[in-house]
Amino acid sequence: MDYIIGDVLLASSFVSYVGPFSKKFREAIIKDNFLTFFAKNNVPSTPNASPLTILTNEAQKAEWNTQFLPSDNVSTENGSILTSSDRYSLMIDP
């Protein structure tokens, strides 16, 4: 419960903003913008927080893989964005 504010902010920012970007740029946005902002402004979040660990679990990833979603990180991130959104998301899928 101590980290819920930062974790929810990270997950919602991830779902809202990183869909149209490549893996390299997604990582830069998360590390250089989101996590740096959290540290600078003392936003409590899980150490080494990752949007994938917040939005998905191993069972869900395994289910996606059995439904032929590639197991690379970008595809898994795209799956987590799509299953966490109420509207259609803009996605880049290599």
PDB file of N, CA and C in Angstrom:
ATOM      1  N   MET A   1       0.821  -1.203   0.000  1.00  0.00           N
ATOM      2  CA  MET A   1       0.000   0.000   0.000  1.00  0.00           C
ATOM      3  C   MET A   1       0.865   1.267   0.000  1.00  0.00           C
ATOM      4  N   ASP A   2       2.097   1.159   0.485  1.00  0.00           N
ATOM      5  CA  ASP A   2       2.959   2.340   0.535  1.00  0.00           C
ATOM      6  C   ASP A   2       3.327   2.847  -0.852  1.00  0.00           C
ATOM      7  N   TYR A   3       3.335   1.960  -1.824  1.00  0.00           N
ATOM      8  CA  TYR A   3       3.805   2.313  -3.163  1.00  0.00           C
ATOM      9  C   TYR A   3       2.690   2.454  -4.191  1.00  0.00           C
ATOM     10  N   ILE A   4       1.458   2.343  -3.779  1.00  0.00           N
ATOM     11  CA  ILE A   4       0.359   2.277  -4.749  1.00  0.00           C
ATOM     12  C   ILE A   4       0.229   3.546  -5.586  1.00  0.00           C
ATOM     13  N   ILE A   5       0.513   4.701  -5.008  1.00  0.00           N
ATOM     14  CA  ILE A   5       0.387   5.957  -5.755  1.00  0.00           C
ATOM     15  C   ILE A   5       1.347   5.971  -6.945  1.00  0.00           C
ATOM     16  N   GLY A   6       2.606   5.690  -6.699  1.00  0.00           N
ATOM     17  CA  GLY A   6       3.590   5.700  -7.777  1.00  0.00           C
ATOM     18  C   GLY A   6       3.374   4.585  -8.777  1.00  0.00           C
ATOM     19  N   ASP A   7       2.993   3.399  -8.295  1.00  0.00           N
ATOM     20  CA  ASP A   7       2.775   2.272  -9.199  1.00  0.00           C
ATOM     21  C   ASP A   7       1.598   2.525 -10.139  1.00  0.00           C
ATOM     22  N   VAL A   8       0.516   3.061  -9.600  1.00  0.00           N
ATOM     23  CA  VAL A   8      -0.653   3.355 -10.435  1.00  0.00           C
ATOM     24  C   VAL A   8      -0.334   4.492 -11.402  1.00  0.00           C
ATOM     25  N   LEU A   9       0.407   5.482 -10.940  1.00  0.00           N
ATOM     26  CA  LEU A   9       0.803   6.574 -11.825  1.00  0.00           C
ATOM     27  C   LEU A   9       1.701   6.067 -12.949  1.00  0.00           C
ATOM     28  N   LEU A  10       2.636   5.195 -12.634  1.00  0.00           N
ATOM     29  CA  LEU A  10       3.513   4.619 -13.654  1.00  0.00           C
ATOM     30  C   LEU A  10       2.715   3.802 -14.664  1.00  0.00           C
ATOM     31  N   ALA A  11       1.830   2.937 -14.180  1.00  0.00           N
ATOM     32  CA  ALA A  11       1.044   2.087 -15.074  1.00  0.00           C
ATOM     33  C   ALA A  11       0.111   2.916 -15.954  1.00  0.00           C
ATOM     34  N   SER A  12      -0.559   3.899 -15.382  1.00  0.00           N
ATOM     35  CA  SER A  12      -1.484   4.704 -16.178  1.00  0.00           C
ATOM     36  C   SER A  12      -0.734   5.588 -17.182  1.00  0.00           C
ATOM     37  N   SER A  13       0.421   6.102 -16.801  1.00  0.00           N
ATOM     38  CA  SER A  13       1.237   6.885 -17.742  1.00  0.00           C
ATOM     39  C   SER A  13       1.720   6.004 -18.882  1.00  0.00           C
ATOM     40  N   PHE A  14       2.137   4.803 -18.551  1.00  0.00           N
ATOM     41  CA  PHE A  14       2.596   3.844 -19.555  1.00  0.00           C
ATOM     42  C   PHE A  14       1.484   3.544 -20.552  1.00  0.00           C
ATOM     43  N   VAL A  15       0.305   3.216 -20.055  1.00  0.00           N
ATOM     44  CA  VAL A  15      -0.819   2.878 -20.926  1.00  0.00           C
ATOM     45  C   VAL A  15      -1.212   4.073 -21.791  1.00  0.00           C
ATOM     46  N   SER A  16      -1.153   5.263 -21.216  1.00  0.00           N
ATOM     47  CA  SER A  16      -1.608   6.461 -21.927  1.00  0.00           C
ATOM     48  C   SER A  16      -0.626   6.972 -22.969  1.00  0.00           C
ATOM     49  N   TYR A  17       0.678   6.845 -22.714  1.00  0.00           N
ATOM     50  CA  TYR A  17       1.633   7.588 -23.529  1.00  0.00           C
ATOM     51  C   TYR A  17       2.627   6.786 -24.358  1.00  0.00           C
ATOM     52  N   VAL A  18       2.951   5.560 -24.023  1.00  0.00           N
ATOM     53  CA  VAL A  18       4.077   4.922 -24.712  1.00  0.00           C
ATOM     54  C   VAL A  18       3.704   4.004 -25.867  1.00  0.00           C
ATOM     55  N   GLY A  19       2.443   3.771 -26.119  1.00  0.00           N
ATOM     56  CA  GLY A  19       2.023   2.858 -27.179  1.00  0.00           C
ATOM     57  C   GLY A  19       2.613   3.105 -28.539  1.00  0.00           C
ATOM     58  N   PRO A  20       2.679   4.354 -29.001  1.00  0.00           N
ATOM     59  CA  PRO A  20       3.164   4.572 -30.365  1.00  0.00           C
ATOM     60  C   PRO A  20       4.678   4.549 -30.542  1.00  0.00           C
ATOM     61  N   PHE A  21       5.431   4.248 -29.500  1.00  0.00           N
ATOM     62  CA  PHE A  21       6.888   4.362 -29.578  1.00  0.00           C
ATOM     63  C   PHE A  21       7.586   3.006 -29.620  1.00  0.00           C
ATOM     64  N   SER A  22       8.812   3.023 -30.114  1.00  0.00           N
ATOM     65  CA  SER A  22       9.632   1.808 -30.188  1.00  0.00           C
ATOM     66  C   SER A  22      10.117   1.419 -28.796  1.00  0.00           C
ATOM     67  N   LYS A  23      10.676   0.221 -28.675  1.00  0.00           N
ATOM     68  CA  LYS A  23      11.160  -0.283 -27.396  1.00  0.00           C
ATOM     69  C   LYS A  23      12.234   0.630 -26.804  1.00  0.00           C
ATOM     70  N   LYS A  24      13.163   1.065 -27.624  1.00  0.00           N
ATOM     71  CA  LYS A  24      14.245   1.919 -27.140  1.00  0.00           C
ATOM     72  C   LYS A  24      13.691   3.228 -26.577  1.00  0.00           C
ATOM     73  N   PHE A  25      12.761   3.828 -27.281  1.00  0.00           N
ATOM     74  CA  PHE A  25      12.186   5.087 -26.823  1.00  0.00           C
ATOM     75  C   PHE A  25      11.272   4.860 -25.624  1.00  0.00           C
ATOM     76  N   ARG A  26      10.567   3.733 -25.580  1.00  0.00           N
ATOM     77  CA  ARG A  26       9.735   3.410 -24.404  1.00  0.00           C
ATOM     78  C   ARG A  26      10.593   3.335 -23.147  1.00  0.00           C
ATOM     79  N   GLU A  27      11.716   2.649 -23.245  1.00  0.00           N
ATOM     80  CA  GLU A  27      12.611   2.529 -22.090  1.00  0.00           C
ATOM     81  C   GLU A  27      13.131   3.898 -21.658  1.00  0.00           C
ATOM     82  N   ALA A  28      13.455   4.741 -22.634  1.00  0.00           N
ATOM     83  CA  ALA A  28      13.936   6.083 -22.312  1.00  0.00           C
ATOM     84  C   ALA A  28      12.853   6.907 -21.618  1.00  0.00           C
ATOM     85  N   ILE A  29      11.625   6.803 -22.095  1.00  0.00           N
ATOM     86  CA  ILE A  29      10.524   7.544 -21.472  1.00  0.00           C
ATOM     87  C   ILE A  29      10.336   7.094 -20.031  1.00  0.00           C
ATOM     88  N   ILE A  30      10.333   5.786 -19.810  1.00  0.00           N
ATOM     89  CA  ILE A  30      10.106   5.266 -18.468  1.00  0.00           C
ATOM     90  C   ILE A  30      11.237   5.664 -17.527  1.00  0.00           C
ATOM     91  N   LYS A  31      12.475   5.407 -17.935  1.00  0.00           N
ATOM     92  CA  LYS A  31      13.616   5.662 -17.046  1.00  0.00           C
ATOM     93  C   LYS A  31      13.941   7.143 -16.922  1.00  0.00           C
ATOM     94  N   ASP A  32      14.018   7.830 -18.054  1.00  0.00           N
ATOM     95  CA  ASP A  32      14.479   9.215 -18.040  1.00  0.00           C
ATOM     96  C   ASP A  32      13.398  10.220 -17.665  1.00  0.00           C
ATOM     97  N   ASN A  33      12.135   9.853 -17.879  1.00  0.00           N
ATOM     98  CA  ASN A  33      11.070  10.793 -17.574  1.00  0.00           C
ATOM     99  C   ASN A  33      10.242  10.373 -16.361  1.00  0.00           C
ATOM    100  N   PHE A  34       9.579   9.234 -16.470  1.00  0.00           N
ATOM    101  CA  PHE A  34       8.657   8.835 -15.404  1.00  0.00           C
ATOM    102  C   PHE A  34       9.388   8.576 -14.089  1.00  0.00           C
ATOM    103  N   LEU A  35      10.361   7.670 -14.093  1.00  0.00           N
ATOM    104  CA  LEU A  35      11.026   7.293 -12.843  1.00  0.00           C
ATOM    105  C   LEU A  35      11.879   8.431 -12.284  1.00  0.00           C
ATOM    106  N   THR A  36      12.462   9.236 -13.166  1.00  0.00           N
ATOM    107  CA  THR A  36      13.222  10.398 -12.707  1.00  0.00           C
ATOM    108  C   THR A  36      12.294  11.411 -12.039  1.00  0.00           C
ATOM    109  N   PHE A  37      11.129  11.615 -12.616  1.00  0.00           N
ATOM    110  CA  PHE A  37      10.142  12.515 -12.020  1.00  0.00           C
ATOM    111  C   PHE A  37       9.712  12.018 -10.645  1.00  0.00           C
ATOM    112  N   PHE A  38       9.479  10.714 -10.537  1.00  0.00           N
ATOM    113  CA  PHE A  38       9.075  10.143  -9.246  1.00  0.00           C
ATOM    114  C   PHE A  38      10.150  10.388  -8.188  1.00  0.00           C
ATOM    115  N   ALA A  39      11.398  10.125  -8.541  1.00  0.00           N
ATOM    116  CA  ALA A  39      12.495  10.299  -7.586  1.00  0.00           C
ATOM    117  C   ALA A  39      12.660  11.764  -7.194  1.00  0.00           C
ATOM    118  N   LYS A  40      12.585  12.636  -8.173  1.00  0.00           N
ATOM    119  CA  LYS A  40      12.766  14.068  -7.934  1.00  0.00           C
ATOM    120  C   LYS A  40      11.662  14.647  -7.049  1.00  0.00           C
ATOM    121  N   ASN A  41      10.449  14.130  -7.198  1.00  0.00           N
ATOM    122  CA  ASN A  41       9.295  14.665  -6.474  1.00  0.00           C
ATOM    123  C   ASN A  41       8.844  13.783  -5.314  1.00  0.00           C
ATOM    124  N   ASN A  42       9.682  12.821  -4.946  1.00  0.00           N
ATOM    125  CA  ASN A  42       9.399  11.927  -3.810  1.00  0.00           C
ATOM    126  C   ASN A  42       8.060  11.205  -3.930  1.00  0.00           C
ATOM    127  N   VAL A  43       7.742  10.744  -5.132  1.00  0.00           N
ATOM    128  CA  VAL A  43       6.542   9.946  -5.343  1.00  0.00           C
ATOM    129  C   VAL A  43       6.883   8.515  -4.957  1.00  0.00           C
ATOM    130  N   PRO A  44       6.189   7.953  -3.972  1.00  0.00           N
ATOM    131  CA  PRO A  44       6.527   6.588  -3.549  1.00  0.00           C
ATOM    132  C   PRO A  44       6.133   5.565  -4.610  1.00  0.00           C
ATOM    133  N   SER A  45       7.089   4.730  -4.980  1.00  0.00           N
ATOM    134  CA  SER A  45       6.804   3.658  -5.936  1.00  0.00           C
ATOM    135  C   SER A  45       7.689   2.461  -5.605  1.00  0.00           C
ATOM    136  N   THR A  46       7.294   1.318  -6.108  1.00  0.00           N
ATOM    137  CA  THR A  46       8.055   0.096  -5.897  1.00  0.00           C
ATOM    138  C   THR A  46       9.467   0.265  -6.457  1.00  0.00           C
ATOM    139  N   PRO A  47      10.485  -0.131  -5.705  1.00  0.00           N
ATOM    140  CA  PRO A  47      11.851  -0.051  -6.248  1.00  0.00           C
ATOM    141  C   PRO A  47      11.970  -0.871  -7.535  1.00  0.00           C
ATOM    142  N   ASN A  48      12.624  -0.311  -8.524  1.00  0.00           N
ATOM    143  CA  ASN A  48      12.762  -0.956  -9.838  1.00  0.00           C
ATOM    144  C   ASN A  48      11.401  -1.299 -10.444  1.00  0.00           C
ATOM    145  N   ALA A  49      10.464  -0.386 -10.309  1.00  0.00           N
ATOM    146  CA  ALA A  49       9.107  -0.621 -10.813  1.00  0.00           C
ATOM    147  C   ALA A  49       9.129  -0.809 -12.324  1.00  0.00           C
ATOM    148  N   SER A  50       8.267  -1.691 -12.783  1.00  0.00           N
ATOM    149  CA  SER A  50       8.112  -1.964 -14.202  1.00  0.00           C
ATOM    150  C   SER A  50       6.619  -1.986 -14.525  1.00  0.00           C
ATOM    151  N   PRO A  51       6.206  -1.299 -15.582  1.00  0.00           N
ATOM    152  CA  PRO A  51       4.782  -1.320 -15.940  1.00  0.00           C
ATOM    153  C   PRO A  51       4.253  -2.729 -16.181  1.00  0.00           C
ATOM    154  N   LEU A  52       5.102  -3.611 -16.736  1.00  0.00           N
ATOM    155  CA  LEU A  52       4.634  -4.980 -16.998  1.00  0.00           C
ATOM    156  C   LEU A  52       4.324  -5.742 -15.717  1.00  0.00           C
ATOM    157  N   THR A  53       5.119  -5.561 -14.684  1.00  0.00           N
ATOM    158  CA  THR A  53       4.841  -6.272 -13.436  1.00  0.00           C
ATOM    159  C   THR A  53       3.608  -5.713 -12.738  1.00  0.00           C
ATOM    160  N   ILE A  54       3.288  -4.458 -13.015  1.00  0.00           N
ATOM    161  CA  ILE A  54       2.101  -3.848 -12.422  1.00  0.00           C
ATOM    162  C   ILE A  54       0.847  -4.250 -13.188  1.00  0.00           C
ATOM    163  N   LEU A  55       0.930  -4.280 -14.506  1.00  0.00           N
ATOM    164  CA  LEU A  55      -0.248  -4.496 -15.353  1.00  0.00           C
ATOM    165  C   LEU A  55      -0.550  -5.954 -15.664  1.00  0.00           C
ATOM    166  N   THR A  56       0.439  -6.839 -15.589  1.00  0.00           N
ATOM    167  CA  THR A  56       0.228  -8.235 -15.980  1.00  0.00           C
ATOM    168  C   THR A  56       0.812  -9.179 -14.941  1.00  0.00           C
ATOM    169  N   ASN A  57       0.540 -10.447 -15.137  1.00  0.00           N
ATOM    170  CA  ASN A  57       1.178 -11.483 -14.328  1.00  0.00           C
ATOM    171  C   ASN A  57       1.645 -12.592 -15.268  1.00  0.00           C
ATOM    172  N   GLU A  58       2.377 -13.526 -14.728  1.00  0.00           N
ATOM    173  CA  GLU A  58       2.956 -14.594 -15.562  1.00  0.00           C
ATOM    174  C   GLU A  58       1.882 -15.450 -16.235  1.00  0.00           C
ATOM    175  N   ALA A  59       0.781 -15.679 -15.570  1.00  0.00           N
ATOM    176  CA  ALA A  59      -0.290 -16.489 -16.155  1.00  0.00           C
ATOM    177  C   ALA A  59      -0.894 -15.797 -17.375  1.00  0.00           C
ATOM    178  N   GLN A  60      -1.093 -14.509 -17.278  1.00  0.00           N
ATOM    179  CA  GLN A  60      -1.645 -13.767 -18.406  1.00  0.00           C
ATOM    180  C   GLN A  60      -0.673 -13.754 -19.582  1.00  0.00           C
ATOM    181  N   LYS A  61       0.616 -13.570 -19.307  1.00  0.00           N
ATOM    182  CA  LYS A  61       1.618 -13.610 -20.374  1.00  0.00           C
ATOM    183  C   LYS A  61       1.649 -14.983 -21.040  1.00  0.00           C
ATOM    184  N   ALA A  62       1.571 -16.049 -20.242  1.00  0.00           N
ATOM    185  CA  ALA A  62       1.573 -17.407 -20.790  1.00  0.00           C
ATOM    186  C   ALA A  62       0.340 -17.642 -21.659  1.00  0.00           C
ATOM    187  N   GLU A  63      -0.796 -17.115 -21.242  1.00  0.00           N
ATOM    188  CA  GLU A  63      -2.022 -17.256 -22.037  1.00  0.00           C
ATOM    189  C   GLU A  63      -1.877 -16.544 -23.380  1.00  0.00           C
ATOM    190  N   TRP A  64      -1.309 -15.355 -23.366  1.00  0.00           N
ATOM    191  CA  TRP A  64      -1.089 -14.623 -24.618  1.00  0.00           C
ATOM    192  C   TRP A  64      -0.147 -15.393 -25.534  1.00  0.00           C
ATOM    193  N   ASN A  65       0.884 -16.006 -24.970  1.00  0.00           N
ATOM    194  CA  ASN A  65       1.832 -16.772 -25.778  1.00  0.00           C
ATOM    195  C   ASN A  65       1.188 -18.006 -26.382  1.00  0.00           C
ATOM    196  N   THR A  66       0.277 -18.654 -25.659  1.00  0.00           N
ATOM    197  CA  THR A  66      -0.425 -19.804 -26.225  1.00  0.00           C
ATOM    198  C   THR A  66      -1.413 -19.380 -27.306  1.00  0.00           C
ATOM    199  N   GLN A  67      -1.794 -18.098 -27.298  1.00  0.00           N
ATOM    200  CA  GLN A  67      -2.660 -17.553 -28.350  1.00  0.00           C
ATOM    201  C   GLN A  67      -1.837 -16.900 -29.458  1.00  0.00           C
ATOM    202  N   PHE A  68      -0.536 -17.249 -29.500  1.00  0.00           N
ATOM    203  CA  PHE A  68       0.396 -16.868 -30.554  1.00  0.00           C
ATOM    204  C   PHE A  68       0.841 -15.409 -30.538  1.00  0.00           C
ATOM    205  N   LEU A  69       0.738 -14.730 -29.398  1.00  0.00           N
ATOM    206  CA  LEU A  69       1.373 -13.425 -29.271  1.00  0.00           C
ATOM    207  C   LEU A  69       2.863 -13.681 -29.074  1.00  0.00           C
ATOM    208  N   PRO A  70       3.716 -13.049 -29.854  1.00  0.00           N
ATOM    209  CA  PRO A  70       5.158 -13.258 -29.658  1.00  0.00           C
ATOM    210  C   PRO A  70       5.574 -12.916 -28.230  1.00  0.00           C
ATOM    211  N   SER A  71       6.606 -13.561 -27.749  1.00  0.00           N
ATOM    212  CA  SER A  71       6.995 -13.398 -26.347  1.00  0.00           C
ATOM    213  C   SER A  71       7.992 -12.263 -26.116  1.00  0.00           C
ATOM    214  N   ASP A  72       8.284 -11.460 -27.151  1.00  0.00           N
ATOM    215  CA  ASP A  72       9.196 -10.336 -26.948  1.00  0.00           C
ATOM    216  C   ASP A  72       8.524  -9.259 -26.077  1.00  0.00           C
ATOM    217  N   ASN A  73       9.348  -8.382 -25.482  1.00  0.00           N
ATOM    218  CA  ASN A  73       8.845  -7.381 -24.551  1.00  0.00           C
ATOM    219  C   ASN A  73       7.873  -6.396 -25.183  1.00  0.00           C
ATOM    220  N   VAL A  74       8.143  -5.966 -26.408  1.00  0.00           N
ATOM    221  CA  VAL A  74       7.263  -4.991 -27.045  1.00  0.00           C
ATOM    222  C   VAL A  74       5.868  -5.573 -27.247  1.00  0.00           C
ATOM    223  N   SER A  75       5.788  -6.806 -27.695  1.00  0.00           N
ATOM    224  CA  SER A  75       4.489  -7.445 -27.889  1.00  0.00           C
ATOM    225  C   SER A  75       3.761  -7.627 -26.562  1.00  0.00           C
ATOM    226  N   THR A  76       4.487  -8.018 -25.534  1.00  0.00           N
ATOM    227  CA  THR A  76       3.882  -8.174 -24.209  1.00  0.00           C
ATOM    228  C   THR A  76       3.419  -6.828 -23.664  1.00  0.00           C
ATOM    229  N   GLU A  77       4.230  -5.792 -23.861  1.00  0.00           N
ATOM    230  CA  GLU A  77       3.818  -4.449 -23.442  1.00  0.00           C
ATOM    231  C   GLU A  77       2.568  -4.015 -24.204  1.00  0.00           C
ATOM    232  N   ASN A  78       2.535  -4.288 -25.513  1.00  0.00           N
ATOM    233  CA  ASN A  78       1.360  -3.946 -26.306  1.00  0.00           C
ATOM    234  C   ASN A  78       0.123  -4.683 -25.799  1.00  0.00           C
ATOM    235  N   GLY A  79       0.282  -5.944 -25.459  1.00  0.00           N
ATOM    236  CA  GLY A  79      -0.834  -6.701 -24.895  1.00  0.00           C
ATOM    237  C   GLY A  79      -1.319  -6.112 -23.589  1.00  0.00           C
ATOM    238  N   SER A  80      -0.389  -5.695 -22.744  1.00  0.00           N
ATOM    239  CA  SER A  80      -0.789  -5.109 -21.462  1.00  0.00           C
ATOM    240  C   SER A  80      -1.476  -3.765 -21.665  1.00  0.00           C
ATOM    241  N   ILE A  81      -1.031  -2.993 -22.648  1.00  0.00           N
ATOM    242  CA  ILE A  81      -1.682  -1.707 -22.935  1.00  0.00           C
ATOM    243  C   ILE A  81      -3.100  -1.946 -23.436  1.00  0.00           C
ATOM    244  N   LEU A  82      -3.249  -2.878 -24.366  1.00  0.00           N
ATOM    245  CA  LEU A  82      -4.566  -3.123 -24.945  1.00  0.00           C
ATOM    246  C   LEU A  82      -5.553  -3.699 -23.941  1.00  0.00           C
ATOM    247  N   THR A  83      -5.087  -4.566 -23.049  1.00  0.00           N
ATOM    248  CA  THR A  83      -6.006  -5.148 -22.066  1.00  0.00           C
ATOM    249  C   THR A  83      -6.287  -4.204 -20.907  1.00  0.00           C
ATOM    250  N   SER A  84      -5.492  -3.134 -20.782  1.00  0.00           N
ATOM    251  CA  SER A  84      -5.699  -2.166 -19.697  1.00  0.00           C
ATOM    252  C   SER A  84      -6.415  -0.911 -20.170  1.00  0.00           C
ATOM    253  N   SER A  85      -6.793  -0.852 -21.428  1.00  0.00           N
ATOM    254  CA  SER A  85      -7.423   0.335 -22.006  1.00  0.00           C
ATOM    255  C   SER A  85      -8.898   0.088 -22.256  1.00  0.00           C
ATOM    256  N   ASP A  86      -9.680   1.131 -22.071  1.00  0.00           N
ATOM    257  CA  ASP A  86     -11.095   1.053 -22.406  1.00  0.00           C
ATOM    258  C   ASP A  86     -11.357   1.442 -23.857  1.00  0.00           C
ATOM    259  N   ARG A  87     -10.456   2.226 -24.430  1.00  0.00           N
ATOM    260  CA  ARG A  87     -10.595   2.680 -25.809  1.00  0.00           C
ATOM    261  C   ARG A  87      -9.523   2.029 -26.668  1.00  0.00           C
ATOM    262  N   TYR A  88      -9.650   2.198 -27.977  1.00  0.00           N
ATOM    263  CA  TYR A  88      -8.629   1.702 -28.874  1.00  0.00           C
ATOM    264  C   TYR A  88      -7.364   2.526 -28.685  1.00  0.00           C
ATOM    265  N   SER A  89      -6.249   1.864 -28.610  1.00  0.00           N
ATOM    266  CA  SER A  89      -4.971   2.523 -28.389  1.00  0.00           C
ATOM    267  C   SER A  89      -4.188   2.625 -29.685  1.00  0.00           C
ATOM    268  N   LEU A  90      -3.377   3.671 -29.794  1.00  0.00           N
ATOM    269  CA  LEU A  90      -2.446   3.786 -30.910  1.00  0.00           C
ATOM    270  C   LEU A  90      -1.243   2.939 -30.589  1.00  0.00           C
ATOM    271  N   MET A  91      -0.927   1.980 -31.441  1.00  0.00           N
ATOM    272  CA  MET A  91       0.143   1.036 -31.157  1.00  0.00           C
ATOM    273  C   MET A  91       1.103   0.960 -32.335  1.00  0.00           C
ATOM    274  N   ILE A  92       2.351   0.709 -32.013  1.00  0.00           N
ATOM    275  CA  ILE A  92       3.356   0.366 -33.011  1.00  0.00           C
ATOM    276  C   ILE A  92       3.766  -1.066 -32.711  1.00  0.00           C
ATOM    277  N   ASP A  93       3.580  -1.950 -33.662  1.00  0.00           N
ATOM    278  CA  ASP A  93       3.940  -3.344 -33.441  1.00  0.00           C
ATOM    279  C   ASP A  93       4.880  -3.778 -34.552  1.00  0.00           C
ATOM    280  N   PRO A  94       6.117  -4.076 -34.174  1.00  0.00           N
ATOM    281  CA  PRO A  94       7.095  -4.443 -35.209  1.00  0.00           C
ATOM    282  C   PRO A  94       6.697  -5.761 -35.813  1.00  0.00           C
TER     283      PRO A  94
END
